[in-house]
Full PDB file with SEQRES, HELIX, SHEET, SSBOND, CRYST1, ORIGX, SCALE, CONECT and MASTER records, all heavy atoms in Angstrom:
SEQRES   1 A   32  ALA ARG THR THR LEU ALA MET ALA ALA LYS ILE GLY GLY          
SEQRES   2 A   32  CYS THR VAL THR ASP PHE TYR ASN LYS LEU GLN PRO LEU          
SEQRES   3 A   32  GLY PHE GLU ILE ASP THR                                      
HELIX    1 AA1 LEU A    5  GLY A   12  1                                   8    
HELIX    2 AA2 VAL A   16  LEU A   23  1                                   8    
HELIX    3 AA3 GLN A   24  LEU A   26  5                                   3    
CRYST1    1.000    1.000    1.000  90.00  90.00  90.00 P 1           1          
ORIGX1      1.000000  0.000000  0.000000        0.00000                         
ORIGX2      0.000000  1.000000  0.000000        0.00000                         
ORIGX3      0.000000  0.000000  1.000000        0.00000                         
SCALE1      1.000000  0.000000  0.000000        0.00000                         
SCALE2      0.000000  1.000000  0.000000        0.00000                         
SCALE3      0.000000  0.000000  1.000000        0.00000                         
ATOM      1  N   ALA A   1      -4.374  -2.247  -3.948  1.00  0.00           N  
ATOM      2  CA  ALA A   1      -4.200  -2.617  -2.550  1.00  0.00           C  
ATOM      3  C   ALA A   1      -2.746  -2.727  -2.114  1.00  0.00           C  
ATOM      4  O   ALA A   1      -2.378  -2.552  -0.956  1.00  0.00           O  
ATOM      5  CB  ALA A   1      -4.897  -3.940  -2.266  1.00  0.00           C  
ATOM      6  N   ARG A   2      -1.835  -2.915  -3.029  1.00  0.00           N  
ATOM      7  CA  ARG A   2      -0.449  -3.122  -2.760  1.00  0.00           C  
ATOM      8  C   ARG A   2       0.411  -1.915  -3.155  1.00  0.00           C  
ATOM      9  O   ARG A   2       1.610  -1.892  -2.812  1.00  0.00           O  
ATOM     10  CB  ARG A   2       0.085  -4.341  -3.473  1.00  0.00           C  
ATOM     11  CG  ARG A   2      -0.596  -5.617  -3.036  1.00  0.00           C  
ATOM     12  CD  ARG A   2      -0.091  -6.787  -3.716  1.00  0.00           C  
ATOM     13  NE  ARG A   2      -0.690  -7.995  -3.161  1.00  0.00           N  
ATOM     14  CZ  ARG A   2      -1.126  -9.020  -3.861  1.00  0.00           C  
ATOM     15  NH1 ARG A   2      -0.865  -9.019  -5.163  1.00  0.00           N  
ATOM     16  NH2 ARG A   2      -1.675 -10.033  -3.339  1.00  0.00           N  
ATOM     17  N   THR A   3      -0.123  -1.011  -3.919  1.00  0.00           N  
ATOM     18  CA  THR A   3       0.749   0.008  -4.510  1.00  0.00           C  
ATOM     19  C   THR A   3       0.457   1.404  -3.812  1.00  0.00           C  
ATOM     20  O   THR A   3      -0.581   1.907  -3.655  1.00  0.00           O  
ATOM     21  CB  THR A   3       0.318   0.237  -5.949  1.00  0.00           C  
ATOM     22  OG1 THR A   3       0.397  -1.044  -6.650  1.00  0.00           O  
ATOM     23  CG2 THR A   3       1.246   1.233  -6.719  1.00  0.00           C  
ATOM     24  N   THR A   4       1.598   1.989  -3.333  1.00  0.00           N  
ATOM     25  CA  THR A   4       1.603   3.291  -2.706  1.00  0.00           C  
ATOM     26  C   THR A   4       1.714   4.368  -3.826  1.00  0.00           C  
ATOM     27  O   THR A   4       2.078   4.082  -4.936  1.00  0.00           O  
ATOM     28  CB  THR A   4       2.726   3.486  -1.703  1.00  0.00           C  
ATOM     29  OG1 THR A   4       3.977   3.441  -2.440  1.00  0.00           O  
ATOM     30  CG2 THR A   4       2.731   2.390  -0.619  1.00  0.00           C  
ATOM     31  N   LEU A   5       1.468   5.652  -3.415  1.00  0.00           N  
ATOM     32  CA  LEU A   5       1.599   6.716  -4.373  1.00  0.00           C  
ATOM     33  C   LEU A   5       3.091   6.801  -4.842  1.00  0.00           C  
ATOM     34  O   LEU A   5       3.300   7.040  -6.025  1.00  0.00           O  
ATOM     35  CB  LEU A   5       1.218   8.056  -3.698  1.00  0.00           C  
ATOM     36  CG  LEU A   5      -0.252   8.330  -3.460  1.00  0.00           C  
ATOM     37  CD1 LEU A   5      -0.395   9.711  -2.843  1.00  0.00           C  
ATOM     38  CD2 LEU A   5      -1.004   8.239  -4.730  1.00  0.00           C  
ATOM     39  N   ALA A   6       4.018   6.592  -3.956  1.00  0.00           N  
ATOM     40  CA  ALA A   6       5.425   6.623  -4.371  1.00  0.00           C  
ATOM     41  C   ALA A   6       5.727   5.524  -5.399  1.00  0.00           C  
ATOM     42  O   ALA A   6       6.420   5.817  -6.411  1.00  0.00           O  
ATOM     43  CB  ALA A   6       6.363   6.519  -3.193  1.00  0.00           C  
ATOM     44  N   MET A   7       5.206   4.321  -5.166  1.00  0.00           N  
ATOM     45  CA  MET A   7       5.458   3.259  -6.142  1.00  0.00           C  
ATOM     46  C   MET A   7       4.775   3.578  -7.508  1.00  0.00           C  
ATOM     47  O   MET A   7       5.337   3.374  -8.533  1.00  0.00           O  
ATOM     48  CB  MET A   7       4.934   1.956  -5.583  1.00  0.00           C  
ATOM     49  CG  MET A   7       5.707   1.448  -4.339  1.00  0.00           C  
ATOM     50  SD  MET A   7       4.828   0.122  -3.453  1.00  0.00           S  
ATOM     51  CE  MET A   7       4.644  -1.127  -4.634  1.00  0.00           C  
ATOM     52  N   ALA A   8       3.547   4.038  -7.408  1.00  0.00           N  
ATOM     53  CA  ALA A   8       2.779   4.410  -8.605  1.00  0.00           C  
ATOM     54  C   ALA A   8       3.474   5.474  -9.451  1.00  0.00           C  
ATOM     55  O   ALA A   8       3.491   5.488 -10.669  1.00  0.00           O  
ATOM     56  CB  ALA A   8       1.365   4.832  -8.280  1.00  0.00           C  
ATOM     57  N   ALA A   9       4.110   6.447  -8.724  1.00  0.00           N  
ATOM     58  CA  ALA A   9       4.813   7.513  -9.428  1.00  0.00           C  
ATOM     59  C   ALA A   9       6.023   6.916 -10.247  1.00  0.00           C  
ATOM     60  O   ALA A   9       6.220   7.315 -11.389  1.00  0.00           O  
ATOM     61  CB  ALA A   9       5.367   8.535  -8.414  1.00  0.00           C  
ATOM     62  N   LYS A  10       6.703   5.972  -9.691  1.00  0.00           N  
ATOM     63  CA  LYS A  10       7.746   5.352 -10.360  1.00  0.00           C  
ATOM     64  C   LYS A  10       7.239   4.577 -11.613  1.00  0.00           C  
ATOM     65  O   LYS A  10       7.812   4.674 -12.675  1.00  0.00           O  
ATOM     66  CB  LYS A  10       8.575   4.397  -9.483  1.00  0.00           C  
ATOM     67  CG  LYS A  10       9.447   5.105  -8.486  1.00  0.00           C  
ATOM     68  CD  LYS A  10      10.200   4.095  -7.648  1.00  0.00           C  
ATOM     69  CE  LYS A  10      11.040   4.797  -6.612  1.00  0.00           C  
ATOM     70  NZ  LYS A  10      11.800   3.849  -5.760  1.00  0.00           N  
ATOM     71  N   ILE A  11       6.189   3.845 -11.395  1.00  0.00           N  
ATOM     72  CA  ILE A  11       5.588   3.027 -12.451  1.00  0.00           C  
ATOM     73  C   ILE A  11       5.108   3.954 -13.612  1.00  0.00           C  
ATOM     74  O   ILE A  11       5.317   3.638 -14.796  1.00  0.00           O  
ATOM     75  CB  ILE A  11       4.462   2.190 -11.929  1.00  0.00           C  
ATOM     76  CG1 ILE A  11       4.947   1.100 -11.014  1.00  0.00           C  
ATOM     77  CG2 ILE A  11       3.636   1.577 -13.140  1.00  0.00           C  
ATOM     78  CD1 ILE A  11       3.875   0.455 -10.196  1.00  0.00           C  
ATOM     79  N   GLY A  12       4.469   5.042 -13.246  1.00  0.00           N  
ATOM     80  CA  GLY A  12       3.850   5.933 -14.260  1.00  0.00           C  
ATOM     81  C   GLY A  12       4.798   6.972 -14.822  1.00  0.00           C  
ATOM     82  O   GLY A  12       4.472   7.702 -15.694  1.00  0.00           O  
ATOM     83  N   GLY A  13       6.034   7.000 -14.322  1.00  0.00           N  
ATOM     84  CA  GLY A  13       7.005   7.971 -14.830  1.00  0.00           C  
ATOM     85  C   GLY A  13       6.608   9.360 -14.490  1.00  0.00           C  
ATOM     86  O   GLY A  13       6.822  10.328 -15.310  1.00  0.00           O  
ATOM     87  N   CYS A  14       6.035   9.609 -13.316  1.00  0.00           N  
ATOM     88  CA  CYS A  14       5.679  10.936 -12.843  1.00  0.00           C  
ATOM     89  C   CYS A  14       6.142  11.106 -11.440  1.00  0.00           C  
ATOM     90  O   CYS A  14       6.969  10.370 -10.921  1.00  0.00           O  
ATOM     91  CB  CYS A  14       4.160  11.001 -12.930  1.00  0.00           C  
ATOM     92  SG  CYS A  14       3.213   9.745 -12.046  1.00  0.00           S  
ATOM     93  N   THR A  15       5.650  12.159 -10.821  1.00  0.00           N  
ATOM     94  CA  THR A  15       6.062  12.463  -9.454  1.00  0.00           C  
ATOM     95  C   THR A  15       4.846  12.283  -8.501  1.00  0.00           C  
ATOM     96  O   THR A  15       3.703  12.361  -8.882  1.00  0.00           O  
ATOM     97  CB  THR A  15       6.643  13.886  -9.303  1.00  0.00           C  
ATOM     98  OG1 THR A  15       5.570  14.793  -9.486  1.00  0.00           O  
ATOM     99  CG2 THR A  15       7.783  14.125 -10.214  1.00  0.00           C  
ATOM    100  N   VAL A  16       5.174  12.205  -7.207  1.00  0.00           N  
ATOM    101  CA  VAL A  16       4.145  12.155  -6.203  1.00  0.00           C  
ATOM    102  C   VAL A  16       3.363  13.465  -6.202  1.00  0.00           C  
ATOM    103  O   VAL A  16       2.141  13.500  -6.040  1.00  0.00           O  
ATOM    104  CB  VAL A  16       4.739  11.857  -4.804  1.00  0.00           C  
ATOM    105  CG1 VAL A  16       3.677  11.922  -3.684  1.00  0.00           C  
ATOM    106  CG2 VAL A  16       5.341  10.451  -4.800  1.00  0.00           C  
ATOM    107  N   THR A  17       4.010  14.510  -6.475  1.00  0.00           N  
ATOM    108  CA  THR A  17       3.358  15.850  -6.581  1.00  0.00           C  
ATOM    109  C   THR A  17       2.262  15.891  -7.618  1.00  0.00           C  
ATOM    110  O   THR A  17       1.242  16.549  -7.505  1.00  0.00           O  
ATOM    111  CB  THR A  17       4.397  16.943  -6.812  1.00  0.00           C  
ATOM    112  OG1 THR A  17       5.413  16.870  -5.780  1.00  0.00           O  
ATOM    113  CG2 THR A  17       3.794  18.339  -6.855  1.00  0.00           C  
ATOM    114  N   ASP A  18       2.523  15.106  -8.739  1.00  0.00           N  
ATOM    115  CA  ASP A  18       1.453  15.023  -9.766  1.00  0.00           C  
ATOM    116  C   ASP A  18       0.178  14.403  -9.193  1.00  0.00           C  
ATOM    117  O   ASP A  18      -0.856  14.929  -9.477  1.00  0.00           O  
ATOM    118  CB  ASP A  18       1.928  14.165 -10.966  1.00  0.00           C  
ATOM    119  CG  ASP A  18       3.058  14.767 -11.734  1.00  0.00           C  
ATOM    120  OD1 ASP A  18       3.140  16.064 -11.770  1.00  0.00           O  
ATOM    121  OD2 ASP A  18       3.916  14.033 -12.273  1.00  0.00           O  
ATOM    122  N   PHE A  19       0.339  13.456  -8.296  1.00  0.00           N  
ATOM    123  CA  PHE A  19      -0.852  12.803  -7.668  1.00  0.00           C  
ATOM    124  C   PHE A  19      -1.481  13.869  -6.704  1.00  0.00           C  
ATOM    125  O   PHE A  19      -2.710  14.000  -6.755  1.00  0.00           O  
ATOM    126  CB  PHE A  19      -0.434  11.612  -6.852  1.00  0.00           C  
ATOM    127  CG  PHE A  19      -0.171  10.381  -7.689  1.00  0.00           C  
ATOM    128  CD1 PHE A  19       1.122  10.110  -8.163  1.00  0.00           C  
ATOM    129  CD2 PHE A  19      -1.210   9.532  -8.033  1.00  0.00           C  
ATOM    130  CE1 PHE A  19       1.363   8.994  -8.926  1.00  0.00           C  
ATOM    131  CE2 PHE A  19      -0.963   8.403  -8.829  1.00  0.00           C  
ATOM    132  CZ  PHE A  19       0.321   8.128  -9.273  1.00  0.00           C  
ATOM    133  N   TYR A  20      -0.643  14.554  -5.969  1.00  0.00           N  
ATOM    134  CA  TYR A  20      -1.216  15.596  -5.040  1.00  0.00           C  
ATOM    135  C   TYR A  20      -2.005  16.605  -5.794  1.00  0.00           C  
ATOM    136  O   TYR A  20      -3.121  16.971  -5.418  1.00  0.00           O  
ATOM    137  CB  TYR A  20      -0.069  16.293  -4.292  1.00  0.00           C  
ATOM    138  CG  TYR A  20       0.704  15.379  -3.343  1.00  0.00           C  
ATOM    139  CD1 TYR A  20       1.909  15.835  -2.804  1.00  0.00           C  
ATOM    140  CD2 TYR A  20       0.191  14.139  -2.863  1.00  0.00           C  
ATOM    141  CE1 TYR A  20       2.651  15.073  -1.887  1.00  0.00           C  
ATOM    142  CE2 TYR A  20       0.949  13.421  -1.985  1.00  0.00           C  
ATOM    143  CZ  TYR A  20       2.204  13.858  -1.507  1.00  0.00           C  
ATOM    144  OH  TYR A  20       2.899  13.118  -0.601  1.00  0.00           O  
ATOM    145  N   ASN A  21      -1.487  17.075  -6.918  1.00  0.00           N  
ATOM    146  CA  ASN A  21      -2.149  18.120  -7.736  1.00  0.00           C  
ATOM    147  C   ASN A  21      -3.483  17.599  -8.266  1.00  0.00           C  
ATOM    148  O   ASN A  21      -4.425  18.422  -8.438  1.00  0.00           O  
ATOM    149  CB  ASN A  21      -1.245  18.577  -8.873  1.00  0.00           C  
ATOM    150  CG  ASN A  21      -0.001  19.308  -8.362  1.00  0.00           C  
ATOM    151  OD1 ASN A  21      -0.028  19.854  -7.253  1.00  0.00           O  
ATOM    152  ND2 ASN A  21       1.018  19.362  -9.181  1.00  0.00           N  
ATOM    153  N   LYS A  22      -3.634  16.344  -8.567  1.00  0.00           N  
ATOM    154  CA  LYS A  22      -4.878  15.782  -9.118  1.00  0.00           C  
ATOM    155  C   LYS A  22      -5.870  15.474  -7.992  1.00  0.00           C  
ATOM    156  O   LYS A  22      -7.113  15.636  -8.170  1.00  0.00           O  
ATOM    157  CB  LYS A  22      -4.590  14.535  -9.864  1.00  0.00           C  
ATOM    158  CG  LYS A  22      -3.967  14.765 -11.227  1.00  0.00           C  
ATOM    159  CD  LYS A  22      -4.834  15.350 -12.245  1.00  0.00           C  
ATOM    160  CE  LYS A  22      -4.230  15.397 -13.588  1.00  0.00           C  
ATOM    161  NZ  LYS A  22      -5.093  15.877 -14.649  1.00  0.00           N  
ATOM    162  N   LEU A  23      -5.344  15.087  -6.842  1.00  0.00           N  
ATOM    163  CA  LEU A  23      -6.241  14.614  -5.753  1.00  0.00           C  
ATOM    164  C   LEU A  23      -6.701  15.734  -4.846  1.00  0.00           C  
ATOM    165  O   LEU A  23      -7.794  15.669  -4.298  1.00  0.00           O  
ATOM    166  CB  LEU A  23      -5.536  13.520  -4.932  1.00  0.00           C  
ATOM    167  CG  LEU A  23      -5.248  12.240  -5.643  1.00  0.00           C  
ATOM    168  CD1 LEU A  23      -4.336  11.323  -4.863  1.00  0.00           C  
ATOM    169  CD2 LEU A  23      -6.518  11.541  -6.146  1.00  0.00           C  
ATOM    170  N   GLN A  24      -5.929  16.801  -4.649  1.00  0.00           N  
ATOM    171  CA  GLN A  24      -6.296  17.844  -3.794  1.00  0.00           C  
ATOM    172  C   GLN A  24      -7.631  18.497  -4.181  1.00  0.00           C  
ATOM    173  O   GLN A  24      -8.408  18.768  -3.312  1.00  0.00           O  
ATOM    174  CB  GLN A  24      -5.131  18.916  -3.708  1.00  0.00           C  
ATOM    175  CG  GLN A  24      -5.269  19.756  -2.475  1.00  0.00           C  
ATOM    176  CD  GLN A  24      -3.920  20.458  -2.227  1.00  0.00           C  
ATOM    177  OE1 GLN A  24      -3.105  20.628  -3.065  1.00  0.00           O  
ATOM    178  NE2 GLN A  24      -3.725  20.858  -0.931  1.00  0.00           N  
ATOM    179  N   PRO A  25      -7.884  18.807  -5.434  1.00  0.00           N  
ATOM    180  CA  PRO A  25      -9.192  19.353  -5.814  1.00  0.00           C  
ATOM    181  C   PRO A  25     -10.412  18.479  -5.526  1.00  0.00           C  
ATOM    182  O   PRO A  25     -11.522  18.928  -5.420  1.00  0.00           O  
ATOM    183  CB  PRO A  25      -9.093  19.564  -7.351  1.00  0.00           C  
ATOM    184  CG  PRO A  25      -7.599  19.645  -7.635  1.00  0.00           C  
ATOM    185  CD  PRO A  25      -6.967  18.737  -6.589  1.00  0.00           C  
ATOM    186  N   LEU A  26     -10.140  17.195  -5.318  1.00  0.00           N  
ATOM    187  CA  LEU A  26     -11.204  16.223  -4.998  1.00  0.00           C  
ATOM    188  C   LEU A  26     -11.493  16.249  -3.426  1.00  0.00           C  
ATOM    189  O   LEU A  26     -12.300  15.453  -2.993  1.00  0.00           O  
ATOM    190  CB  LEU A  26     -10.813  14.799  -5.461  1.00  0.00           C  
ATOM    191  CG  LEU A  26     -10.753  14.636  -6.967  1.00  0.00           C  
ATOM    192  CD1 LEU A  26     -10.280  13.233  -7.311  1.00  0.00           C  
ATOM    193  CD2 LEU A  26     -12.029  14.970  -7.678  1.00  0.00           C  
ATOM    194  N   GLY A  27     -10.693  17.057  -2.704  1.00  0.00           N  
ATOM    195  CA  GLY A  27     -11.001  17.150  -1.255  1.00  0.00           C  
ATOM    196  C   GLY A  27      -9.916  16.426  -0.400  1.00  0.00           C  
ATOM    197  O   GLY A  27     -10.146  16.313   0.814  1.00  0.00           O  
ATOM    198  N   PHE A  28      -8.994  15.755  -1.012  1.00  0.00           N  
ATOM    199  CA  PHE A  28      -7.956  15.046  -0.226  1.00  0.00           C  
ATOM    200  C   PHE A  28      -6.995  16.004   0.412  1.00  0.00           C  
ATOM    201  O   PHE A  28      -6.629  17.008  -0.137  1.00  0.00           O  
ATOM    202  CB  PHE A  28      -7.150  14.066  -1.134  1.00  0.00           C  
ATOM    203  CG  PHE A  28      -7.937  12.920  -1.544  1.00  0.00           C  
ATOM    204  CD1 PHE A  28      -8.634  12.877  -2.784  1.00  0.00           C  
ATOM    205  CD2 PHE A  28      -8.033  11.772  -0.773  1.00  0.00           C  
ATOM    206  CE1 PHE A  28      -9.361  11.802  -3.161  1.00  0.00           C  
ATOM    207  CE2 PHE A  28      -8.739  10.637  -1.106  1.00  0.00           C  
ATOM    208  CZ  PHE A  28      -9.437  10.649  -2.325  1.00  0.00           C  
ATOM    209  N   GLU A  29      -6.686  15.733   1.678  1.00  0.00           N  
ATOM    210  CA  GLU A  29      -5.699  16.532   2.415  1.00  0.00           C  
ATOM    211  C   GLU A  29      -4.294  15.934   2.152  1.00  0.00           C  
ATOM    212  O   GLU A  29      -4.135  14.741   2.245  1.00  0.00           O  
ATOM    213  CB  GLU A  29      -5.960  16.472   3.937  1.00  0.00           C  
ATOM    214  CG  GLU A  29      -7.246  17.224   4.245  1.00  0.00           C  
ATOM    215  CD  GLU A  29      -7.523  17.246   5.729  1.00  0.00           C  
ATOM    216  OE1 GLU A  29      -6.537  17.182   6.518  1.00  0.00           O  
ATOM    217  OE2 GLU A  29      -8.685  17.383   6.069  1.00  0.00           O  
ATOM    218  N   ILE A  30      -3.371  16.788   1.851  1.00  0.00           N  
ATOM    219  CA  ILE A  30      -2.053  16.324   1.452  1.00  0.00           C  
ATOM    220  C   ILE A  30      -1.068  16.568   2.714  1.00  0.00           C  
ATOM    221  O   ILE A  30      -1.016  17.602   3.281  1.00  0.00           O  
ATOM    222  CB  ILE A  30      -1.463  17.177   0.298  1.00  0.00           C  
ATOM    223  CG1 ILE A  30      -2.427  17.076  -0.877  1.00  0.00           C  
ATOM    224  CG2 ILE A  30      -0.117  16.625  -0.099  1.00  0.00           C  
ATOM    225  CD1 ILE A  30      -2.820  15.749  -1.389  1.00  0.00           C  
ATOM    226  N   ASP A  31      -0.403  15.488   3.043  1.00  0.00           N  
ATOM    227  CA  ASP A  31       0.568  15.538   4.172  1.00  0.00           C  
ATOM    228  C   ASP A  31       2.002  15.452   3.607  1.00  0.00           C  
ATOM    229  O   ASP A  31       2.511  14.388   3.322  1.00  0.00           O  
ATOM    230  CB  ASP A  31       0.370  14.381   5.113  1.00  0.00           C  
ATOM    231  CG  ASP A  31       1.291  14.402   6.310  1.00  0.00           C  
ATOM    232  OD1 ASP A  31       2.075  15.329   6.423  1.00  0.00           O  
ATOM    233  OD2 ASP A  31       1.210  13.480   7.130  1.00  0.00           O  
ATOM    234  N   THR A  32       2.571  16.591   3.325  1.00  0.00           N  
ATOM    235  CA  THR A  32       3.852  16.591   2.652  1.00  0.00           C  
ATOM    236  C   THR A  32       5.006  16.413   3.698  1.00  0.00           C  
ATOM    237  O   THR A  32       6.122  16.168   3.311  1.00  0.00           O  
ATOM    238  CB  THR A  32       4.153  17.939   1.926  1.00  0.00           C  
ATOM    239  OG1 THR A  32       3.976  19.028   2.891  1.00  0.00           O  
ATOM    240  CG2 THR A  32       3.222  18.092   0.807  1.00  0.00           C  
TER     241      THR A  32                                                      
MASTER        0    0    0    3    0    0    0    6  240    1    0    3          
END                                                                             
């Protein structure tokens, strides 16, 4: 509830694009 994708990317040592790549096939629309 408190963590954004940008924050999670820092925590996980990855990029926001990594999230986009995983979520887009599930039907999420990406607003770059």
